[in-house]
Amino acid sequence: MKSIPYYGGSVLLLKAVILLGTLLAPAFPKAQPKPAPRPYNVLFIAVDDLNNNLGCYGHPLVKSPNIDKLAGSGVMFQRAYCQIPWCSPSRSSLMTGLRPDSVQVFNLQTHFRSTVPAVTTLPQLFKNNGYFSARVGKLFHYGVPGDIGTSGLDDSLSWHTVVNPKGRDKAEEGKLKNLTPSRSLGSSLAWLEAEGTDEEQTDGMVAGEAIRLLQENQDKPFFLAVGFFRPHCPFIAPEKYFDLYPPEKIALPKGPAGDAADIPPAALWTTPANWGLNEQDRREAIRAYYASISFVDAQVGRLLNALRRLGLSDNTVVVLWSDHGYLLTEHGQWMKQSLFEESARVPLIIAAPGAEGNGAVCPRTVELLDLYPTLAGLTGLQAPPYLMGKSLVPLLGNPTLKWDKPAYTQINRKDLMGRSVRTGQWRYTEWDNGKAGTELYDHGKDPKEYTNLANNPAYAKVVTRMQMLLHHPGK
């Protein structure tokens, strides 16, 4: 047996050191492996029919302090676009990760499970991977206001728990002022300055139920989807939110004379222009829309305050989005189902823990379709291979990163398909593959899309390039 070499000191001292180490060993246990970090939660906030008329997006009048604060703590996407500007088709595309041509939902009646039955939805991905998955309010399609209080065209495979609040706004629809009585309430210019508290309204109840679920499930990974119904018409909010907007402060868009002369008739959904309403009626409708935005903003604030109070902010990805934009008399048009910028563009804010880009504005063109791979990437989940969006995680780290991905929006109106592609500078649109008209707008010089350049020979090369992008995505 080989002897153990010993250098300096006495053998007795060595034995004493060994003995001391043995005696002290229990006081210095071996280092234990650190527990795996808890997966990020996801708070997924949908706001129905919300356009970019928010303080953080530069609107001079609309008051949205809570959404503005969220934008200041996350990345605000300046050029985010829906894939189809209509509630059910847009949500079906986002939640499945498929473009409208693939998911084949172009109306308010078709359920995506009848066209792509085996698809894994975004919340279903989290549910299948050990997350508590819950929905409060409108995520998949509801007819508003008719389906409030029901599950609408929901998807049972996506959730562990669903909650369908129904507030006094439903009971008081008989009090509405309606400028368009020939139209259904879900597509009307109707509003109510409501009595009572926020908490009595459906969206106030949505916030309250979501807070309850946060409290009850704060100790487990969760995907909590919260769908607010306003500012979808009819525009209903407590009176105090209307008081924020004196009618004389409401400015109507002022387009050039003859604005519609160079617009293909297929592009114009609201006919006659503004449904024939006078300026005062239009101001009152816009005022009611703004009041509804501020009301929903207050509910978003309640939700974000609860997240902070429960100590969940540092471990939760918060996403706020709308299913499409909303026209408020631009080009004489209202609402959605158009391919103008105000209809296709949406607010999109992502606040991810530790993202280096938090507090920045991202100028790149992105799509709602990109949310599915983004949230899978942020939480380390394996996304389905068929997703058609692109992860925005690189832009969360560097919002001005080089990015050449355009955004695509389409609408099917009475079997006439319109398709549009948006880059950083240009929007190009074809109706019925160009047979019913084309549009080209230079957003560097014409952000309101007043001058259609599609038939101007000076822009023939731009049209050719945009046609290539529209018909051959990815090239």
Protein backbone atom coordinates (compact mmCIF):
# COMPACT_ATOMS: atom_id res chain seq x y z
CA MET A 1 0.00 0.00 0.00
CA LYS A 2 1.43 3.33 -1.05
CA SER A 3 1.98 5.91 1.66
CA ILE A 4 0.24 9.26 1.44
CA PRO A 5 2.83 11.99 0.99
CA TYR A 6 2.79 14.59 3.66
CA TYR A 7 4.50 17.93 3.30
CA GLY A 8 5.34 19.95 6.43
CA GLY A 9 3.88 19.92 9.96
CA SER A 10 3.32 16.93 12.16
CA VAL A 11 1.31 13.79 11.68
CA LEU A 12 -0.70 14.66 14.78
CA LEU A 13 -1.70 18.00 13.25
CA LEU A 14 -2.79 16.29 10.05
CA LYS A 15 -4.95 13.84 12.01
CA ALA A 16 -6.46 16.73 13.94
CA VAL A 17 -7.39 18.54 10.70
CA ILE A 18 -9.00 15.39 9.27
CA LEU A 19 -10.92 14.81 12.52
CA LEU A 20 -12.10 18.43 12.59
CA GLY A 21 -13.30 18.17 9.02
CA THR A 22 -15.25 15.04 9.90
CA LEU A 23 -16.86 16.67 12.90
CA LEU A 24 -17.80 19.80 10.97
CA ALA A 25 -19.07 17.99 7.86
CA PRO A 26 -22.76 18.05 8.88
CA ALA A 27 -22.56 21.83 9.24
CA PHE A 28 -21.48 22.18 5.58
CA PRO A 29 -23.78 19.92 3.56
CA LYS A 30 -23.08 19.33 -0.08
CA ALA A 31 -24.50 22.00 -2.37
CA GLN A 32 -27.88 20.94 -3.74
CA PRO A 33 -28.77 21.52 -7.37
CA LYS A 34 -30.85 24.64 -7.88
CA PRO A 35 -34.49 23.99 -8.69
CA ALA A 36 -35.45 24.59 -12.30
CA PRO A 37 -36.78 28.11 -12.81
CA ARG A 38 -40.54 28.29 -12.89
CA PRO A 39 -41.90 28.62 -16.44
CA TYR A 40 -43.13 32.03 -17.47
CA ASN A 41 -46.85 32.63 -17.09
CA VAL A 42 -48.81 34.27 -19.90
CA LEU A 43 -51.47 36.95 -19.45
CA PHE A 44 -53.11 37.26 -22.86
CA ILE A 45 -55.33 40.35 -23.11
CA ALA A 46 -57.64 40.75 -26.11
CA VAL A 47 -59.55 43.99 -26.67
CA ASP A 48 -62.37 43.74 -29.18
CA ASP A 49 -62.39 46.18 -32.13
CA LEU A 50 -59.67 48.41 -30.66
CA ASN A 51 -57.78 50.55 -33.16
CA ASN A 52 -54.55 52.48 -32.55
CA ASN A 53 -56.26 55.53 -31.07
CA LEU A 54 -54.32 55.29 -27.82
CA GLY A 55 -52.08 57.71 -25.99
CA CYS A 56 -49.02 55.50 -26.41
CA TYR A 57 -49.59 55.43 -30.18
CA GLY A 58 -49.67 59.20 -30.29
CA HIS A 59 -53.37 60.03 -30.21
CA PRO A 60 -53.74 63.57 -28.87
CA LEU A 61 -57.11 63.10 -27.17
CA VAL A 62 -57.75 59.49 -26.12
CA LYS A 63 -56.89 58.77 -22.48
CA SER A 64 -55.42 55.30 -22.00
CA PRO A 65 -52.98 55.61 -19.07
CA ASN A 66 -52.88 51.93 -18.14
CA ILE A 67 -52.23 50.63 -21.65
CA ASP A 68 -49.69 53.44 -22.04
CA LYS A 69 -47.92 52.25 -18.88
CA LEU A 70 -47.86 48.69 -20.19
CA ALA A 71 -46.30 49.96 -23.42
CA GLY A 72 -43.65 51.73 -21.36
CA SER A 73 -42.68 48.47 -19.68
CA GLY A 74 -42.73 46.34 -22.83
CA VAL A 75 -42.23 46.59 -26.58
CA MET A 76 -44.89 48.48 -28.52
CA PHE A 77 -45.17 47.38 -32.12
CA GLN A 78 -45.80 50.40 -34.31
CA ARG A 79 -46.70 48.43 -37.44
CA ALA A 80 -48.64 45.34 -36.39
CA TYR A 81 -51.35 43.96 -38.68
CA CYS A 82 -54.22 41.52 -38.48
CA GLN A 83 -54.58 38.83 -41.13
CA ILE A 84 -58.26 39.47 -41.76
CA PRO A 85 -60.16 42.48 -40.36
CA TRP A 86 -63.22 40.72 -39.03
CA CYS A 87 -63.66 39.25 -35.55
CA SER A 88 -64.05 35.48 -35.96
CA PRO A 89 -61.75 35.01 -38.97
CA SER A 90 -59.02 37.09 -37.34
CA ARG A 91 -59.18 35.24 -34.03
CA SER A 92 -59.29 31.86 -35.78
CA SER A 93 -56.10 32.75 -37.65
CA LEU A 94 -54.24 34.04 -34.59
CA MET A 95 -55.26 31.19 -32.28
CA THR A 96 -54.43 28.43 -34.77
CA GLY A 97 -51.29 30.02 -36.19
CA LEU A 98 -52.63 29.60 -39.73
CA ARG A 99 -53.32 32.16 -42.43
CA PRO A 100 -56.97 32.65 -43.39
CA ASP A 101 -56.53 30.73 -46.65
CA SER A 102 -55.40 27.72 -44.62
CA VAL A 103 -57.83 27.91 -41.69
CA GLN A 104 -60.69 28.67 -44.15
CA VAL A 105 -62.77 30.81 -41.80
CA PHE A 106 -64.09 33.84 -43.69
CA ASN A 107 -67.36 34.54 -41.88
CA LEU A 108 -68.86 34.72 -38.39
CA GLN A 109 -70.51 31.29 -38.47
CA THR A 110 -67.81 28.77 -39.41
CA HIS A 111 -65.97 27.11 -36.53
CA PHE A 112 -62.31 26.37 -37.25
CA ARG A 113 -62.67 22.81 -35.89
CA SER A 114 -64.88 22.07 -38.89
CA THR A 115 -62.09 23.06 -41.30
CA VAL A 116 -58.88 22.15 -39.42
CA PRO A 117 -60.12 19.72 -36.74
CA ALA A 118 -56.70 18.43 -35.62
CA VAL A 119 -55.05 21.82 -35.11
CA THR A 120 -53.49 22.64 -31.72
CA THR A 121 -54.53 26.12 -30.68
CA LEU A 122 -52.26 28.54 -28.86
CA PRO A 123 -53.90 28.04 -25.43
CA GLN A 124 -54.17 24.31 -26.09
CA LEU A 125 -50.38 24.15 -26.51
CA PHE A 126 -49.98 25.52 -22.99
CA LYS A 127 -52.75 23.30 -21.61
CA ASN A 128 -51.04 20.24 -23.12
CA ASN A 129 -47.75 21.22 -21.47
CA GLY A 130 -48.85 21.44 -17.85
CA TYR A 131 -50.14 25.00 -17.72
CA PHE A 132 -53.45 25.98 -16.18
CA SER A 133 -55.33 27.36 -19.19
CA ALA A 134 -58.36 29.60 -18.65
CA ARG A 135 -60.52 32.03 -20.56
CA VAL A 136 -62.61 34.92 -19.28
CA GLY A 137 -64.74 36.73 -21.85
CA LYS A 138 -64.23 36.81 -25.62
CA LEU A 139 -61.22 35.01 -27.12
CA PHE A 140 -62.68 32.90 -29.87
CA HIS A 141 -65.74 34.38 -31.53
CA TYR A 142 -68.78 35.75 -29.75
CA GLY A 143 -71.53 37.61 -31.50
CA VAL A 144 -71.52 40.96 -29.69
CA PRO A 145 -73.74 41.83 -28.02
CA GLY A 146 -75.99 38.83 -28.72
CA ASP A 147 -73.71 36.10 -27.36
CA ILE A 148 -72.51 37.91 -24.23
CA GLY A 149 -72.98 35.55 -21.30
CA THR A 150 -72.53 32.42 -23.45
CA SER A 151 -69.49 30.57 -24.78
CA GLY A 152 -70.17 31.62 -28.36
CA LEU A 153 -67.95 29.80 -30.88
CA ASP A 154 -65.54 28.71 -28.17
CA ASP A 155 -63.13 25.76 -28.28
CA SER A 156 -63.45 23.39 -25.32
CA LEU A 157 -60.11 21.70 -26.10
CA SER A 158 -58.26 24.94 -25.36
CA TRP A 159 -59.19 25.52 -21.71
CA HIS A 160 -59.44 23.97 -18.27
CA THR A 161 -61.81 26.71 -17.15
CA VAL A 162 -64.03 29.27 -18.88
CA VAL A 163 -66.02 32.16 -17.43
CA ASN A 164 -68.73 34.03 -19.37
CA PRO A 165 -69.70 37.19 -17.48
CA LYS A 166 -72.88 39.08 -18.30
CA GLY A 167 -73.37 42.60 -16.97
CA ARG A 168 -76.04 45.25 -16.84
CA ASP A 169 -75.08 46.48 -20.32
CA LYS A 170 -77.02 43.50 -21.67
CA ALA A 171 -80.08 44.32 -19.60
CA GLU A 172 -80.04 47.98 -20.63
CA GLU A 173 -79.78 47.65 -24.40
CA GLY A 174 -83.25 49.17 -24.64
CA LYS A 175 -81.75 52.49 -23.48
CA LEU A 176 -79.29 52.76 -26.38
CA LYS A 177 -79.22 55.74 -28.71
CA ASN A 178 -78.95 54.21 -32.18
CA LEU A 179 -78.04 56.25 -35.26
CA THR A 180 -78.36 53.23 -37.56
CA PRO A 181 -81.52 51.39 -36.47
CA SER A 182 -81.70 49.39 -39.69
CA ARG A 183 -78.42 47.67 -38.80
CA SER A 184 -77.98 44.93 -36.20
CA LEU A 185 -76.66 46.10 -32.83
CA GLY A 186 -73.39 44.26 -33.50
CA SER A 187 -72.79 46.45 -36.55
CA SER A 188 -74.44 49.67 -35.47
CA LEU A 189 -73.49 53.15 -34.38
CA ALA A 190 -75.28 52.92 -31.06
CA TRP A 191 -74.20 53.88 -27.55
CA LEU A 192 -75.19 54.34 -23.94
CA GLU A 193 -73.83 56.58 -21.21
CA ALA A 194 -74.43 53.98 -18.52
CA GLU A 195 -75.36 54.49 -14.92
CA GLY A 196 -73.69 52.54 -12.14
CA THR A 197 -70.18 51.28 -11.57
CA ASP A 198 -67.51 49.72 -13.75
CA GLU A 199 -67.91 46.43 -11.90
CA GLU A 200 -71.55 46.14 -13.00
CA GLN A 201 -70.63 46.19 -16.69
CA THR A 202 -69.64 42.99 -18.48
CA ASP A 203 -66.05 44.12 -18.95
CA GLY A 204 -65.80 45.14 -15.30
CA MET A 205 -66.94 41.63 -14.42
CA VAL A 206 -64.40 40.18 -16.89
CA ALA A 207 -61.61 41.99 -15.03
CA GLY A 208 -62.96 40.85 -11.65
CA GLU A 209 -63.19 37.20 -12.68
CA ALA A 210 -59.71 37.29 -14.22
CA ILE A 211 -58.29 38.71 -10.98
CA ARG A 212 -60.00 35.91 -9.04
CA LEU A 213 -58.38 33.31 -11.31
CA LEU A 214 -54.99 34.98 -10.87
CA GLN A 215 -55.35 34.76 -7.10
CA GLU A 216 -56.50 31.15 -7.12
CA ASN A 217 -53.82 29.92 -9.54
CA GLN A 218 -50.81 32.08 -8.72
CA ASP A 219 -48.77 29.11 -7.50
CA LYS A 220 -48.86 27.24 -10.82
CA PRO A 221 -47.86 28.14 -14.37
CA PHE A 222 -50.86 29.67 -16.12
CA PHE A 223 -52.06 30.85 -19.51
CA LEU A 224 -54.84 33.27 -18.66
CA ALA A 225 -56.70 34.73 -21.64
CA VAL A 226 -58.82 37.78 -20.85
CA GLY A 227 -61.14 39.01 -23.58
CA PHE A 228 -62.75 42.44 -23.20
CA PHE A 229 -65.84 43.20 -25.29
CA ARG A 230 -65.55 46.96 -25.67
CA PRO A 231 -65.00 49.09 -27.61
CA HIS A 232 -67.01 46.78 -29.92
CA CYS A 233 -70.38 48.35 -30.64
CA PRO A 234 -72.76 49.12 -29.14
CA PHE A 235 -70.49 51.55 -27.32
CA ILE A 236 -71.44 51.24 -23.65
CA ALA A 237 -69.45 52.71 -20.76
CA PRO A 238 -70.22 54.43 -17.46
CA GLU A 239 -71.02 58.11 -17.82
CA LYS A 240 -67.73 59.30 -16.30
CA TYR A 241 -65.83 58.03 -19.34
CA PHE A 242 -68.02 60.04 -21.71
CA ASP A 243 -67.26 63.09 -19.59
CA LEU A 244 -63.60 62.78 -20.63
CA TYR A 245 -64.51 63.73 -24.19
CA PRO A 246 -66.50 66.94 -24.73
CA PRO A 247 -68.17 66.65 -28.16
CA GLU A 248 -66.58 69.88 -29.39
CA LYS A 249 -63.15 68.31 -28.85
CA ILE A 250 -63.83 65.43 -31.26
CA ALA A 251 -62.08 66.07 -34.57
CA LEU A 252 -63.29 64.40 -37.75
CA PRO A 253 -60.71 63.22 -40.28
CA LYS A 254 -60.39 65.75 -43.07
CA GLY A 255 -59.53 64.04 -46.34
CA PRO A 256 -58.99 65.86 -49.61
CA ALA A 257 -61.91 66.68 -51.83
CA GLY A 258 -62.67 63.80 -54.14
CA ASP A 259 -60.76 61.30 -51.98
CA ALA A 260 -62.87 58.39 -53.24
CA ALA A 261 -62.29 59.16 -56.91
CA ASP A 262 -59.18 56.97 -57.19
CA ILE A 263 -60.38 54.21 -54.83
CA PRO A 264 -61.81 51.04 -56.44
CA PRO A 265 -65.50 50.66 -55.52
CA ALA A 266 -64.72 47.19 -54.14
CA ALA A 267 -62.59 48.81 -51.43
CA LEU A 268 -65.52 50.81 -50.04
CA TRP A 269 -67.64 48.86 -47.57
CA THR A 270 -69.66 51.66 -45.96
CA THR A 271 -72.10 52.91 -48.58
CA PRO A 272 -73.23 55.56 -48.88
CA ALA A 273 -70.25 57.28 -47.29
CA ASN A 274 -70.68 57.52 -43.51
CA TRP A 275 -74.14 55.96 -43.98
CA GLY A 276 -75.33 59.48 -44.70
CA LEU A 277 -74.76 60.73 -41.13
CA ASN A 278 -74.15 64.40 -40.47
CA GLU A 279 -71.01 65.70 -38.76
CA GLN A 280 -72.57 66.04 -35.30
CA ASP A 281 -73.81 62.44 -35.31
CA ARG A 282 -70.39 61.23 -36.38
CA ARG A 283 -68.73 63.18 -33.56
CA GLU A 284 -71.08 61.67 -31.01
CA ALA A 285 -70.39 58.14 -32.26
CA ILE A 286 -66.64 58.70 -32.15
CA ARG A 287 -66.96 60.15 -28.65
CA ALA A 288 -68.77 57.00 -27.53
CA TYR A 289 -66.02 54.85 -29.07
CA TYR A 290 -63.35 56.84 -27.21
CA ALA A 291 -65.28 56.56 -23.93
CA SER A 292 -65.42 52.78 -24.41
CA ILE A 293 -61.65 52.69 -24.93
CA SER A 294 -61.02 54.58 -21.68
CA PHE A 295 -63.43 52.29 -19.84
CA VAL A 296 -61.59 49.18 -21.05
CA ASP A 297 -58.25 50.82 -20.24
CA ALA A 298 -59.39 51.15 -16.62
CA GLN A 299 -60.20 47.43 -16.53
CA VAL A 300 -56.78 46.60 -17.98
CA GLY A 301 -55.33 48.70 -15.17
CA ARG A 302 -57.18 46.67 -12.54
CA LEU A 303 -55.79 43.50 -14.06
CA LEU A 304 -52.18 44.74 -14.21
CA ASN A 305 -52.38 46.09 -10.66
CA ALA A 306 -53.49 42.67 -9.43
CA LEU A 307 -50.58 41.06 -11.27
CA ARG A 308 -48.17 43.36 -9.46
CA ARG A 309 -49.89 42.97 -6.10
CA LEU A 310 -49.62 39.19 -6.32
CA GLY A 311 -45.91 39.39 -7.16
CA LEU A 312 -46.42 37.84 -10.59
CA SER A 313 -45.17 40.63 -12.85
CA ASP A 314 -41.55 39.47 -12.91
CA ASN A 315 -42.51 36.01 -14.13
CA THR A 316 -45.38 36.76 -16.50
CA VAL A 317 -45.39 37.61 -20.19
CA VAL A 318 -48.15 40.14 -20.81
CA VAL A 319 -49.57 40.55 -24.30
CA LEU A 320 -52.20 43.10 -25.28
CA TRP A 321 -53.71 42.93 -28.76
CA SER A 322 -56.82 43.65 -30.77
CA ASP A 323 -58.35 41.44 -33.44
CA HIS A 324 -58.35 44.25 -36.04
CA GLY A 325 -58.44 48.01 -36.38
CA TYR A 326 -61.47 50.25 -36.69
CA LEU A 327 -62.31 53.01 -39.15
CA LEU A 328 -63.91 56.17 -37.76
CA THR A 329 -65.04 57.99 -40.95
CA GLU A 330 -61.68 57.74 -42.77
CA HIS A 331 -62.52 57.59 -46.52
CA GLY A 332 -66.17 57.78 -45.43
CA GLN A 333 -65.83 54.29 -43.91
CA TRP A 334 -66.70 52.82 -40.50
CA MET A 335 -65.63 49.78 -38.55
CA LYS A 336 -63.70 46.89 -40.14
CA GLN A 337 -63.90 44.61 -43.22
CA SER A 338 -61.70 47.04 -45.17
CA LEU A 339 -58.08 46.92 -46.23
CA PHE A 340 -57.20 50.49 -45.42
CA GLU A 341 -54.50 51.07 -42.81
CA GLU A 342 -56.94 52.00 -40.04
CA SER A 343 -58.75 48.67 -40.42
CA ALA A 344 -55.75 46.37 -40.93
CA ARG A 345 -53.43 47.89 -38.33
CA VAL A 346 -53.76 46.85 -34.68
CA PRO A 347 -52.26 47.77 -31.32
CA LEU A 348 -49.80 45.13 -30.10
CA ILE A 349 -47.76 45.32 -26.90
CA ILE A 350 -45.59 42.54 -25.46
CA ALA A 351 -44.00 42.88 -22.03
CA ALA A 352 -41.64 39.96 -21.45
CA PRO A 353 -39.62 39.63 -18.23
CA GLY A 354 -36.05 40.75 -18.76
CA ALA A 355 -36.45 41.64 -22.44
CA GLU A 356 -33.73 44.12 -23.37
CA GLY A 357 -36.06 46.04 -25.64
CA ASN A 358 -38.66 46.81 -22.96
CA GLY A 359 -39.82 50.41 -23.14
CA ALA A 360 -39.00 50.70 -26.84
CA VAL A 361 -41.09 51.13 -29.98
CA CYS A 362 -40.58 48.56 -32.73
CA PRO A 363 -41.02 50.00 -36.25
CA ARG A 364 -40.99 46.66 -38.09
CA THR A 365 -43.98 45.18 -39.90
CA VAL A 366 -45.31 42.25 -37.87
CA GLU A 367 -48.47 40.16 -37.84
CA LEU A 368 -50.87 38.81 -35.23
CA LEU A 369 -49.95 35.45 -36.71
CA ASP A 370 -46.51 35.92 -35.13
CA LEU A 371 -47.85 35.75 -31.58
CA TYR A 372 -48.16 31.95 -31.47
CA PRO A 373 -44.48 31.17 -32.23
CA THR A 374 -43.39 34.14 -30.09
CA LEU A 375 -45.12 32.88 -26.94
CA ALA A 376 -43.93 29.33 -27.57
CA GLY A 377 -40.39 30.66 -27.89
CA LEU A 378 -40.56 32.81 -24.75
CA THR A 379 -41.80 29.91 -22.64
CA GLY A 380 -39.63 27.18 -24.16
CA LEU A 381 -42.51 25.13 -25.57
CA GLN A 382 -42.22 23.16 -28.78
CA ALA A 383 -44.47 24.89 -31.30
CA PRO A 384 -46.28 22.88 -33.98
CA PRO A 385 -44.26 22.69 -37.20
CA TYR A 386 -47.06 24.06 -39.38
CA LEU A 387 -47.21 27.56 -37.85
CA MET A 388 -47.12 30.30 -40.48
CA GLY A 389 -45.95 33.20 -38.34
CA LYS A 390 -42.44 34.19 -37.30
CA SER A 391 -41.24 34.52 -33.72
CA LEU A 392 -40.87 38.11 -32.54
CA VAL A 393 -38.43 37.15 -29.77
CA PRO A 394 -35.45 38.69 -31.64
CA LEU A 395 -37.34 42.00 -31.87
CA LEU A 396 -38.09 41.92 -28.14
CA GLY A 397 -34.33 41.97 -27.59
CA ASN A 398 -33.59 44.49 -30.33
CA PRO A 399 -36.70 46.29 -31.64
CA THR A 400 -34.81 47.91 -34.52
CA LEU A 401 -33.22 44.68 -35.71
CA LYS A 402 -33.06 44.26 -39.49
CA TRP A 403 -36.36 42.68 -40.46
CA ASP A 404 -37.67 42.23 -44.00
CA LYS A 405 -40.89 40.34 -43.31
CA PRO A 406 -43.99 42.04 -44.80
CA ALA A 407 -47.48 41.79 -43.33
CA TYR A 408 -50.48 40.33 -45.17
CA THR A 409 -54.14 41.17 -44.68
CA GLN A 410 -57.14 39.94 -46.66
CA ILE A 411 -60.93 40.14 -46.61
CA ASN A 412 -63.60 38.11 -48.39
CA ARG A 413 -66.63 40.27 -49.05
CA LYS A 414 -69.57 38.74 -50.92
CA ASP A 415 -67.21 36.23 -52.57
CA LEU A 416 -64.90 39.02 -53.72
CA MET A 417 -61.47 38.58 -52.16
CA GLY A 418 -59.25 41.53 -51.40
CA ARG A 419 -55.59 40.97 -50.55
CA SER A 420 -53.09 43.48 -49.24
CA VAL A 421 -49.39 43.46 -48.41
CA ARG A 422 -47.70 46.03 -46.19
CA THR A 423 -43.99 46.80 -45.99
CA GLY A 424 -42.32 49.56 -44.03
CA GLN A 425 -43.06 52.07 -46.80
CA TRP A 426 -45.79 50.67 -49.03
CA ARG A 427 -49.28 49.18 -48.97
CA TYR A 428 -50.39 47.36 -52.11
CA THR A 429 -53.89 45.90 -52.49
CA GLU A 430 -55.66 43.84 -55.15
CA TRP A 431 -59.38 43.18 -55.36
CA ASP A 432 -60.29 39.94 -57.13
CA ASN A 433 -56.66 39.50 -58.19
CA GLY A 434 -56.68 43.00 -59.62
CA LYS A 435 -59.74 42.54 -61.83
CA ALA A 436 -61.83 44.69 -59.47
CA GLY A 437 -59.11 47.26 -58.88
CA THR A 438 -55.71 47.83 -57.29
CA GLU A 439 -54.30 50.29 -54.77
CA LEU A 440 -50.79 51.48 -53.92
CA TYR A 441 -50.02 53.93 -51.13
CA ASP A 442 -46.68 55.44 -50.16
CA HIS A 443 -46.73 55.60 -46.36
CA GLY A 444 -43.55 57.64 -46.31
CA LYS A 445 -45.44 60.55 -47.90
CA ASP A 446 -49.09 59.56 -47.56
CA PRO A 447 -49.77 57.80 -44.24
CA LYS A 448 -53.53 58.42 -44.52
CA GLU A 449 -53.69 56.68 -47.90
CA TYR A 450 -55.28 59.54 -49.79
CA THR A 451 -53.44 59.11 -53.11
CA ASN A 452 -53.70 55.80 -54.97
CA LEU A 453 -50.54 55.40 -57.06
CA ALA A 454 -51.34 51.98 -58.54
CA ASN A 455 -52.08 53.34 -62.03
CA ASN A 456 -49.35 55.97 -62.04
CA PRO A 457 -46.66 54.91 -64.60
CA ALA A 458 -43.96 56.46 -62.43
CA TYR A 459 -44.60 53.70 -59.86
CA ALA A 460 -44.79 50.73 -62.23
CA LYS A 461 -41.63 49.15 -60.81
CA VAL A 462 -42.95 49.48 -57.25
CA VAL A 463 -46.22 47.84 -58.31
CA THR A 464 -44.32 44.96 -59.91
CA ARG A 465 -42.23 44.45 -56.79
CA MET A 466 -45.28 44.59 -54.50
CA GLN A 467 -47.18 42.18 -56.76
CA MET A 468 -44.32 39.71 -56.34
CA LEU A 469 -44.55 40.03 -52.55
CA LEU A 470 -48.32 39.65 -52.57
CA HIS A 471 -48.44 36.59 -54.80
CA HIS A 472 -45.22 34.93 -53.65
CA PRO A 473 -44.84 35.43 -49.89
CA GLY A 474 -41.33 34.76 -48.70
CA LYS A 475 -39.62 35.75 -51.95
